[in-house]
């Protein structure tokens, strides 16, 4: 379920980067997604036997939660200088690469590929925000939207019980 919302928020954020969205409106969806993914983290971390998550799943999902909560707060407050958030995105991009390899070891090729796509996405946010290379805003907005579609479809397939593909 979490990835379905992550896909949706990435689509909205990508469109926002393309100049077609209101900061306060975008903030609401980012907060919602950040809270949903954080609740999933709590469930995986403290849900006991009923939870199918692991501390590794929880840690990876927390990267998403913090991303959307921070972005939501920045959008709501109208923060122009997002260099610190950009550097956080660099950290997440670096963590996402080996995460993809660890997920690959479980045999879930699709989720491993998603982690590598997200690593590239977070790296583009570092370029845009951390390095302040605003000339790439349009390209990064389009890429973010495309990654949102891929993530949303994957999340839907997971929620419907058809993942991983064998």
N, C-alpha and C. Protein backbone atom coordinates (compact mmCIF):
# COMPACT_ATOMS: atom_id res chain seq x y z
N UNK A 1 0.82 -1.19 0.00
CA UNK A 1 0.00 0.00 0.00
C UNK A 1 0.87 1.26 0.00
N UNK A 2 1.96 1.22 0.76
CA UNK A 2 2.80 2.41 0.86
C UNK A 2 3.33 2.87 -0.48
N UNK A 3 3.76 1.92 -1.31
CA UNK A 3 4.33 2.32 -2.61
C UNK A 3 3.29 2.90 -3.56
N UNK A 4 2.03 2.53 -3.37
CA UNK A 4 0.97 3.13 -4.17
C UNK A 4 0.92 4.64 -3.89
N UNK A 5 0.99 5.00 -2.61
CA UNK A 5 0.99 6.42 -2.24
C UNK A 5 2.29 7.10 -2.63
N UNK A 6 3.41 6.40 -2.51
CA UNK A 6 4.69 6.97 -2.94
C UNK A 6 4.64 7.28 -4.43
N UNK A 7 4.09 6.36 -5.22
CA UNK A 7 3.95 6.63 -6.66
C UNK A 7 3.10 7.86 -6.91
N UNK A 8 1.98 7.96 -6.21
CA UNK A 8 1.11 9.12 -6.38
C UNK A 8 1.78 10.42 -6.01
N UNK A 9 2.49 10.43 -4.88
CA UNK A 9 3.13 11.67 -4.46
C UNK A 9 4.29 12.03 -5.39
N UNK A 10 4.97 11.04 -5.93
CA UNK A 10 6.03 11.35 -6.91
C UNK A 10 5.44 11.98 -8.17
N UNK A 11 4.30 11.48 -8.61
CA UNK A 11 3.65 12.09 -9.78
C UNK A 11 3.29 13.54 -9.48
N UNK A 12 2.67 13.77 -8.33
CA UNK A 12 2.27 15.14 -7.95
C UNK A 12 3.51 16.03 -7.80
N UNK A 13 4.57 15.51 -7.15
CA UNK A 13 5.79 16.30 -6.97
C UNK A 13 6.46 16.61 -8.31
N UNK A 14 6.44 15.65 -9.23
CA UNK A 14 7.01 15.89 -10.55
C UNK A 14 6.26 16.97 -11.29
N UNK A 15 4.95 16.91 -11.24
CA UNK A 15 4.12 17.94 -11.89
C UNK A 15 4.35 19.29 -11.22
N UNK A 16 4.52 19.29 -9.90
CA UNK A 16 4.82 20.51 -9.15
C UNK A 16 6.16 21.10 -9.61
N UNK A 17 7.17 20.24 -9.80
CA UNK A 17 8.46 20.73 -10.30
C UNK A 17 8.32 21.33 -11.70
N UNK A 18 7.35 20.86 -12.44
CA UNK A 18 7.10 21.39 -13.78
C UNK A 18 6.31 22.70 -13.74
N UNK A 19 6.05 23.19 -12.53
CA UNK A 19 5.38 24.48 -12.37
C UNK A 19 3.87 24.41 -12.38
N UNK A 20 3.32 23.24 -12.17
CA UNK A 20 1.87 23.08 -12.23
C UNK A 20 1.30 22.58 -10.90
N UNK A 21 1.56 23.31 -9.84
CA UNK A 21 1.05 22.92 -8.54
C UNK A 21 1.28 24.00 -7.51
N UNK A 22 0.47 23.97 -6.48
CA UNK A 22 0.55 24.93 -5.39
C UNK A 22 1.34 24.32 -4.23
N UNK A 23 2.22 25.10 -3.61
CA UNK A 23 3.06 24.60 -2.52
C UNK A 23 2.23 23.97 -1.40
N UNK A 24 1.23 24.69 -0.92
CA UNK A 24 0.43 24.19 0.21
C UNK A 24 -0.33 22.93 -0.17
N UNK A 25 -0.81 22.85 -1.40
CA UNK A 25 -1.54 21.68 -1.87
C UNK A 25 -0.61 20.47 -1.94
N UNK A 26 0.57 20.67 -2.47
CA UNK A 26 1.56 19.60 -2.57
C UNK A 26 2.00 19.15 -1.17
N UNK A 27 2.09 20.09 -0.25
CA UNK A 27 2.50 19.77 1.11
C UNK A 27 1.55 18.75 1.74
N UNK A 28 0.26 18.89 1.50
CA UNK A 28 -0.73 17.98 2.11
C UNK A 28 -0.47 16.54 1.67
N UNK A 29 -0.25 16.32 0.38
CA UNK A 29 -0.03 14.95 -0.11
C UNK A 29 1.30 14.41 0.40
N UNK A 30 2.32 15.26 0.49
CA UNK A 30 3.60 14.81 1.03
C UNK A 30 3.46 14.43 2.50
N UNK A 31 2.74 15.25 3.28
CA UNK A 31 2.52 14.91 4.70
C UNK A 31 1.76 13.60 4.82
N UNK A 32 0.69 13.44 4.03
CA UNK A 32 -0.11 12.22 4.08
C UNK A 32 0.76 11.00 3.78
N UNK A 33 1.54 11.06 2.71
CA UNK A 33 2.38 9.93 2.33
C UNK A 33 3.46 9.68 3.38
N UNK A 34 4.05 10.75 3.91
CA UNK A 34 5.06 10.60 4.96
C UNK A 34 4.48 9.94 6.20
N UNK A 35 3.27 10.30 6.57
CA UNK A 35 2.62 9.72 7.75
C UNK A 35 2.26 8.26 7.50
N UNK A 36 1.70 7.96 6.32
CA UNK A 36 1.34 6.58 5.98
C UNK A 36 2.57 5.69 6.01
N UNK A 37 3.65 6.12 5.38
CA UNK A 37 4.85 5.28 5.35
C UNK A 37 5.47 5.18 6.74
N UNK A 38 5.35 6.24 7.56
CA UNK A 38 5.87 6.17 8.92
C UNK A 38 5.06 5.18 9.76
N UNK A 39 3.75 5.15 9.57
CA UNK A 39 2.93 4.16 10.28
C UNK A 39 3.31 2.74 9.88
N UNK A 40 3.64 2.55 8.61
CA UNK A 40 4.12 1.24 8.15
C UNK A 40 5.43 0.90 8.85
N UNK A 41 6.33 1.88 8.96
CA UNK A 41 7.60 1.67 9.66
C UNK A 41 7.33 1.22 11.10
N UNK A 42 6.42 1.91 11.78
CA UNK A 42 6.10 1.55 13.16
C UNK A 42 5.54 0.13 13.25
N UNK A 43 4.67 -0.21 12.30
CA UNK A 43 4.10 -1.56 12.28
C UNK A 43 5.18 -2.61 12.10
N UNK A 44 6.08 -2.37 11.14
CA UNK A 44 7.15 -3.32 10.90
C UNK A 44 8.12 -3.38 12.08
N UNK A 45 8.35 -2.24 12.71
CA UNK A 45 9.28 -2.21 13.82
C UNK A 45 8.72 -2.77 15.11
N UNK A 46 7.39 -2.60 15.32
CA UNK A 46 6.80 -2.98 16.61
C UNK A 46 5.54 -3.81 16.49
N UNK A 47 5.22 -4.29 15.29
CA UNK A 47 3.96 -4.99 15.07
C UNK A 47 3.91 -6.43 15.52
N UNK A 48 5.01 -6.97 15.97
CA UNK A 48 5.02 -8.34 16.46
C UNK A 48 4.84 -9.36 15.36
N UNK A 49 4.27 -10.48 15.71
CA UNK A 49 4.13 -11.60 14.78
C UNK A 49 3.22 -11.30 13.60
N UNK A 50 2.29 -10.36 13.77
CA UNK A 50 1.36 -10.04 12.68
C UNK A 50 2.03 -9.27 11.56
N UNK A 51 3.19 -8.70 11.82
CA UNK A 51 3.89 -7.89 10.82
C UNK A 51 4.79 -8.76 9.96
N UNK A 52 4.72 -8.53 8.65
CA UNK A 52 5.60 -9.26 7.74
C UNK A 52 6.87 -8.47 7.44
N UNK A 53 6.99 -7.28 7.99
CA UNK A 53 8.16 -6.46 7.75
C UNK A 53 9.33 -6.86 8.62
N UNK A 54 10.48 -6.31 8.30
CA UNK A 54 11.70 -6.57 9.05
C UNK A 54 12.32 -5.22 9.41
N UNK A 55 13.29 -5.21 10.32
CA UNK A 55 14.00 -3.95 10.58
C UNK A 55 14.61 -3.36 9.30
N UNK A 56 15.07 -4.21 8.39
CA UNK A 56 15.62 -3.73 7.12
C UNK A 56 14.54 -3.03 6.29
N UNK A 57 13.35 -3.65 6.21
CA UNK A 57 12.23 -3.02 5.50
C UNK A 57 11.86 -1.69 6.15
N UNK A 58 11.82 -1.69 7.47
CA UNK A 58 11.45 -0.48 8.20
C UNK A 58 12.46 0.64 7.94
N UNK A 59 13.74 0.32 7.97
CA UNK A 59 14.78 1.33 7.75
C UNK A 59 14.68 1.93 6.36
N UNK A 60 14.48 1.09 5.35
CA UNK A 60 14.35 1.59 3.99
C UNK A 60 13.13 2.46 3.81
N UNK A 61 12.02 2.03 4.41
CA UNK A 61 10.79 2.81 4.30
C UNK A 61 10.90 4.13 5.05
N UNK A 62 11.68 4.15 6.13
CA UNK A 62 11.87 5.39 6.87
C UNK A 62 12.57 6.45 6.02
N UNK A 63 13.42 6.03 5.10
CA UNK A 63 14.04 6.98 4.16
C UNK A 63 12.97 7.71 3.37
N UNK A 64 11.94 6.98 2.94
CA UNK A 64 10.82 7.60 2.22
C UNK A 64 10.03 8.51 3.14
N UNK A 65 9.70 8.02 4.35
CA UNK A 65 8.90 8.80 5.28
C UNK A 65 9.54 10.15 5.54
N UNK A 66 10.81 10.14 5.87
CA UNK A 66 11.49 11.39 6.19
C UNK A 66 11.58 12.30 4.97
N UNK A 67 11.77 11.72 3.80
CA UNK A 67 11.79 12.51 2.57
C UNK A 67 10.50 13.30 2.41
N UNK A 68 9.36 12.62 2.52
CA UNK A 68 8.08 13.28 2.26
C UNK A 68 7.66 14.20 3.39
N UNK A 69 8.01 13.86 4.62
CA UNK A 69 7.70 14.78 5.72
C UNK A 69 8.51 16.06 5.61
N UNK A 70 9.80 15.94 5.28
CA UNK A 70 10.66 17.12 5.13
C UNK A 70 10.21 17.95 3.93
N UNK A 71 9.96 17.29 2.80
CA UNK A 71 9.52 18.02 1.62
C UNK A 71 8.18 18.70 1.87
N UNK A 72 7.27 18.01 2.55
CA UNK A 72 5.98 18.62 2.89
C UNK A 72 6.15 19.85 3.75
N UNK A 73 7.03 19.77 4.74
CA UNK A 73 7.28 20.93 5.61
C UNK A 73 7.88 22.09 4.82
N UNK A 74 8.81 21.79 3.93
CA UNK A 74 9.41 22.84 3.10
C UNK A 74 8.39 23.48 2.18
N UNK A 75 7.55 22.66 1.57
CA UNK A 75 6.53 23.19 0.66
C UNK A 75 5.52 24.04 1.42
N UNK A 76 5.09 23.55 2.58
CA UNK A 76 4.11 24.29 3.38
C UNK A 76 4.65 25.65 3.81
N UNK A 77 5.92 25.67 4.20
CA UNK A 77 6.53 26.91 4.68
C UNK A 77 7.07 27.78 3.54
N UNK A 78 7.03 27.27 2.30
CA UNK A 78 7.52 28.03 1.16
C UNK A 78 9.03 28.23 1.18
N UNK A 79 9.77 27.25 1.66
CA UNK A 79 11.22 27.35 1.77
C UNK A 79 11.84 27.38 0.38
N UNK A 80 12.62 28.40 0.11
CA UNK A 80 13.31 28.52 -1.18
C UNK A 80 14.65 27.76 -1.17
N UNK A 81 15.42 27.93 -0.10
CA UNK A 81 16.74 27.31 -0.01
C UNK A 81 16.60 25.91 0.57
N UNK A 82 16.69 24.91 -0.31
CA UNK A 82 16.51 23.53 0.12
C UNK A 82 17.81 22.74 -0.01
N UNK A 83 18.94 23.44 0.15
CA UNK A 83 20.23 22.75 0.03
C UNK A 83 20.39 21.63 1.06
N UNK A 84 19.96 21.86 2.29
CA UNK A 84 20.09 20.81 3.32
C UNK A 84 19.28 19.58 2.93
N UNK A 85 18.08 19.79 2.44
CA UNK A 85 17.27 18.67 1.98
C UNK A 85 17.96 17.97 0.80
N UNK A 86 18.59 18.74 -0.07
CA UNK A 86 19.33 18.17 -1.20
C UNK A 86 20.45 17.25 -0.73
N UNK A 87 21.15 17.66 0.31
CA UNK A 87 22.23 16.83 0.85
C UNK A 87 21.66 15.57 1.50
N UNK A 88 20.50 15.67 2.12
CA UNK A 88 19.84 14.48 2.64
C UNK A 88 19.54 13.52 1.48
N UNK A 89 19.10 14.07 0.36
CA UNK A 89 18.81 13.24 -0.81
C UNK A 89 20.07 12.54 -1.31
N UNK A 90 21.22 13.19 -1.23
CA UNK A 90 22.48 12.54 -1.61
C UNK A 90 22.75 11.35 -0.70
N UNK A 91 22.55 11.54 0.59
CA UNK A 91 22.72 10.45 1.55
C UNK A 91 21.81 9.27 1.19
N UNK A 92 20.55 9.56 0.91
CA UNK A 92 19.59 8.50 0.60
C UNK A 92 19.97 7.80 -0.70
N UNK A 93 20.43 8.55 -1.68
CA UNK A 93 20.85 7.95 -2.95
C UNK A 93 21.98 6.95 -2.72
N UNK A 94 22.92 7.33 -1.88
CA UNK A 94 24.05 6.45 -1.58
C UNK A 94 23.57 5.19 -0.86
N UNK A 95 22.65 5.32 0.07
CA UNK A 95 22.11 4.17 0.81
C UNK A 95 21.27 3.28 -0.10
N UNK A 96 20.56 3.88 -1.05
CA UNK A 96 19.65 3.12 -1.92
C UNK A 96 20.39 2.16 -2.86
N UNK A 97 21.61 2.50 -3.25
CA UNK A 97 22.34 1.62 -4.18
C UNK A 97 22.63 0.25 -3.56
N UNK A 98 23.29 0.18 -2.39
CA UNK A 98 23.50 -1.15 -1.82
C UNK A 98 22.20 -1.81 -1.35
N UNK A 99 21.20 -1.00 -1.02
CA UNK A 99 19.90 -1.58 -0.65
C UNK A 99 19.36 -2.40 -1.82
N UNK A 100 19.51 -1.87 -3.03
CA UNK A 100 19.08 -2.61 -4.22
C UNK A 100 19.81 -3.94 -4.34
N UNK A 101 21.11 -3.95 -4.05
CA UNK A 101 21.87 -5.20 -4.11
C UNK A 101 21.42 -6.18 -3.02
N UNK A 102 21.15 -5.68 -1.82
CA UNK A 102 20.67 -6.56 -0.75
C UNK A 102 19.29 -7.13 -1.07
N UNK A 103 18.43 -6.32 -1.64
CA UNK A 103 17.11 -6.80 -2.05
C UNK A 103 17.25 -7.84 -3.16
N UNK A 104 18.19 -7.62 -4.07
CA UNK A 104 18.43 -8.58 -5.15
C UNK A 104 18.81 -9.95 -4.58
N UNK A 105 19.52 -9.96 -3.47
CA UNK A 105 19.91 -11.23 -2.84
C UNK A 105 18.71 -12.03 -2.37
N UNK A 106 17.58 -11.36 -2.14
CA UNK A 106 16.36 -12.07 -1.73
C UNK A 106 15.63 -12.67 -2.92
N UNK A 107 16.07 -12.31 -4.13
CA UNK A 107 15.43 -12.82 -5.34
C UNK A 107 14.37 -11.91 -5.92
N UNK A 108 14.12 -10.76 -5.29
CA UNK A 108 13.11 -9.83 -5.79
C UNK A 108 13.77 -8.83 -6.75
N UNK A 109 13.92 -9.27 -7.99
CA UNK A 109 14.60 -8.46 -9.01
C UNK A 109 13.86 -7.14 -9.25
N UNK A 110 12.54 -7.20 -9.29
CA UNK A 110 11.76 -5.98 -9.53
C UNK A 110 11.97 -4.93 -8.47
N UNK A 111 11.95 -5.33 -7.21
CA UNK A 111 12.15 -4.37 -6.13
C UNK A 111 13.59 -3.85 -6.11
N UNK A 112 14.54 -4.69 -6.45
CA UNK A 112 15.93 -4.24 -6.55
C UNK A 112 16.06 -3.15 -7.62
N UNK A 113 15.43 -3.38 -8.77
CA UNK A 113 15.47 -2.38 -9.85
C UNK A 113 14.81 -1.08 -9.39
N UNK A 114 13.69 -1.20 -8.66
CA UNK A 114 13.04 -0.01 -8.13
C UNK A 114 13.99 0.76 -7.22
N UNK A 115 14.71 0.07 -6.34
CA UNK A 115 15.65 0.76 -5.45
C UNK A 115 16.71 1.52 -6.25
N UNK A 116 17.18 0.93 -7.33
CA UNK A 116 18.20 1.62 -8.14
C UNK A 116 17.59 2.81 -8.89
N UNK A 117 16.37 2.68 -9.34
CA UNK A 117 15.69 3.83 -9.97
C UNK A 117 15.52 4.95 -8.95
N UNK A 118 15.09 4.59 -7.72
CA UNK A 118 14.93 5.60 -6.68
C UNK A 118 16.27 6.23 -6.31
N UNK A 119 17.35 5.44 -6.36
CA UNK A 119 18.68 5.99 -6.08
C UNK A 119 19.00 7.09 -7.08
N UNK A 120 18.72 6.82 -8.35
CA UNK A 120 18.95 7.83 -9.38
C UNK A 120 18.07 9.05 -9.14
N UNK A 121 16.82 8.81 -8.78
CA UNK A 121 15.89 9.92 -8.52
C UNK A 121 16.39 10.79 -7.37
N UNK A 122 16.75 10.15 -6.24
CA UNK A 122 17.26 10.94 -5.12
C UNK A 122 18.53 11.68 -5.51
N UNK A 123 19.37 11.06 -6.35
CA UNK A 123 20.59 11.75 -6.82
C UNK A 123 20.23 12.98 -7.64
N UNK A 124 19.17 12.89 -8.43
CA UNK A 124 18.77 14.08 -9.22
C UNK A 124 18.28 15.20 -8.31
N UNK A 125 17.63 14.83 -7.19
CA UNK A 125 17.21 15.86 -6.23
C UNK A 125 18.42 16.50 -5.57
N UNK A 126 19.47 15.73 -5.35
CA UNK A 126 20.71 16.31 -4.83
C UNK A 126 21.27 17.33 -5.82
N UNK A 127 21.27 16.96 -7.10
CA UNK A 127 21.77 17.88 -8.13
C UNK A 127 20.93 19.16 -8.14
N UNK A 128 19.61 18.99 -8.14
CA UNK A 128 18.71 20.13 -8.21
C UNK A 128 18.78 21.01 -6.97
N UNK A 129 18.71 20.39 -5.80
CA UNK A 129 18.58 21.15 -4.56
C UNK A 129 19.92 21.36 -3.84
N UNK A 130 20.69 20.30 -3.70
CA UNK A 130 21.96 20.41 -2.99
C UNK A 130 23.00 21.21 -3.77
N UNK A 131 23.04 20.99 -5.08
CA UNK A 131 24.00 21.70 -5.92
C UNK A 131 23.38 22.93 -6.59
N UNK A 132 22.08 23.12 -6.38
CA UNK A 132 21.34 24.26 -6.91
C UNK A 132 21.46 24.40 -8.44
N UNK A 133 21.33 23.30 -9.13
CA UNK A 133 21.39 23.28 -10.59
C UNK A 133 19.97 23.35 -11.14
N UNK A 134 19.36 24.51 -11.01
CA UNK A 134 17.96 24.70 -11.36
C UNK A 134 17.69 24.59 -12.87
N UNK A 135 18.72 24.63 -13.66
CA UNK A 135 18.49 24.48 -15.11
C UNK A 135 17.97 23.09 -15.46
N UNK A 136 18.05 22.15 -14.52
CA UNK A 136 17.56 20.79 -14.74
C UNK A 136 16.17 20.55 -14.15
N UNK A 137 15.54 21.60 -13.65
CA UNK A 137 14.24 21.44 -12.99
C UNK A 137 13.22 20.74 -13.88
N UNK A 138 13.09 21.14 -15.11
CA UNK A 138 12.12 20.54 -16.02
C UNK A 138 12.39 19.07 -16.27
N UNK A 139 13.64 18.74 -16.54
CA UNK A 139 14.00 17.34 -16.78
C UNK A 139 13.77 16.48 -15.55
N UNK A 140 14.15 17.02 -14.39
CA UNK A 140 13.97 16.27 -13.14
C UNK A 140 12.49 16.14 -12.82
N UNK A 141 11.70 17.17 -13.12
CA UNK A 141 10.25 17.08 -12.92
C UNK A 141 9.64 15.99 -13.78
N UNK A 142 10.05 15.91 -15.04
CA UNK A 142 9.55 14.86 -15.93
C UNK A 142 9.98 13.48 -15.48
N UNK A 143 11.24 13.36 -15.06
CA UNK A 143 11.75 12.08 -14.56
C UNK A 143 11.01 11.66 -13.29
N UNK A 144 10.79 12.61 -12.39
CA UNK A 144 10.07 12.32 -11.15
C UNK A 144 8.67 11.80 -11.45
N UNK A 145 8.00 12.42 -12.39
CA UNK A 145 6.65 11.98 -12.77
C UNK A 145 6.68 10.56 -13.32
N UNK A 146 7.65 10.27 -14.19
CA UNK A 146 7.77 8.93 -14.77
C UNK A 146 8.06 7.89 -13.70
N UNK A 147 8.96 8.22 -12.78
CA UNK A 147 9.27 7.29 -11.69
C UNK A 147 8.03 7.08 -10.81
N UNK A 148 7.24 8.13 -10.65
CA UNK A 148 5.99 8.01 -9.90
C UNK A 148 5.03 7.02 -10.54
N UNK A 149 4.93 7.06 -11.85
CA UNK A 149 4.05 6.12 -12.56
C UNK A 149 4.55 4.69 -12.35
N UNK A 150 5.84 4.46 -12.54
CA UNK A 150 6.42 3.13 -12.36
C UNK A 150 6.22 2.65 -10.92
N UNK A 151 6.49 3.52 -9.96
CA UNK A 151 6.35 3.16 -8.55
C UNK A 151 4.89 2.89 -8.19
N UNK A 152 3.99 3.72 -8.69
CA UNK A 152 2.57 3.52 -8.42
C UNK A 152 2.05 2.21 -8.98
N UNK A 153 2.46 1.88 -10.19
CA UNK A 153 2.04 0.61 -10.80
C UNK A 153 2.60 -0.55 -9.97
N UNK A 154 3.88 -0.47 -9.58
CA UNK A 154 4.48 -1.52 -8.76
C UNK A 154 3.74 -1.64 -7.42
N UNK A 155 3.42 -0.51 -6.81
CA UNK A 155 2.69 -0.52 -5.54
C UNK A 155 1.32 -1.14 -5.68
N UNK A 156 0.64 -0.83 -6.77
CA UNK A 156 -0.68 -1.41 -7.01
C UNK A 156 -0.59 -2.92 -7.18
N UNK A 157 0.40 -3.36 -7.97
CA UNK A 157 0.59 -4.80 -8.20
C UNK A 157 0.92 -5.50 -6.88
N UNK A 158 1.75 -4.85 -6.05
CA UNK A 158 2.08 -5.44 -4.74
C UNK A 158 0.83 -5.53 -3.86
N UNK A 159 0.07 -4.43 -3.80
CA UNK A 159 -1.14 -4.41 -2.96
C UNK A 159 -2.17 -5.44 -3.42
N UNK A 160 -2.20 -5.71 -4.73
CA UNK A 160 -3.14 -6.68 -5.28
C UNK A 160 -2.66 -8.12 -5.10
N UNK A 161 -1.43 -8.29 -4.60
CA UNK A 161 -0.91 -9.62 -4.32
C UNK A 161 -0.25 -10.33 -5.49
N UNK A 162 0.13 -9.56 -6.51
CA UNK A 162 0.76 -10.17 -7.69
C UNK A 162 2.26 -9.89 -7.77
N UNK A 163 2.87 -9.56 -6.67
CA UNK A 163 4.31 -9.26 -6.64
C UNK A 163 4.95 -10.19 -5.65
N UNK A 164 6.14 -10.66 -5.88
CA UNK A 164 6.96 -10.43 -7.08
C UNK A 164 6.54 -11.35 -8.21
N UNK A 165 6.89 -10.88 -9.38
CA UNK A 165 6.61 -11.71 -10.55
C UNK A 165 7.61 -12.84 -10.58
N UNK A 166 7.16 -14.00 -10.91
CA UNK A 166 8.07 -15.15 -10.94
C UNK A 166 8.38 -15.54 -12.36
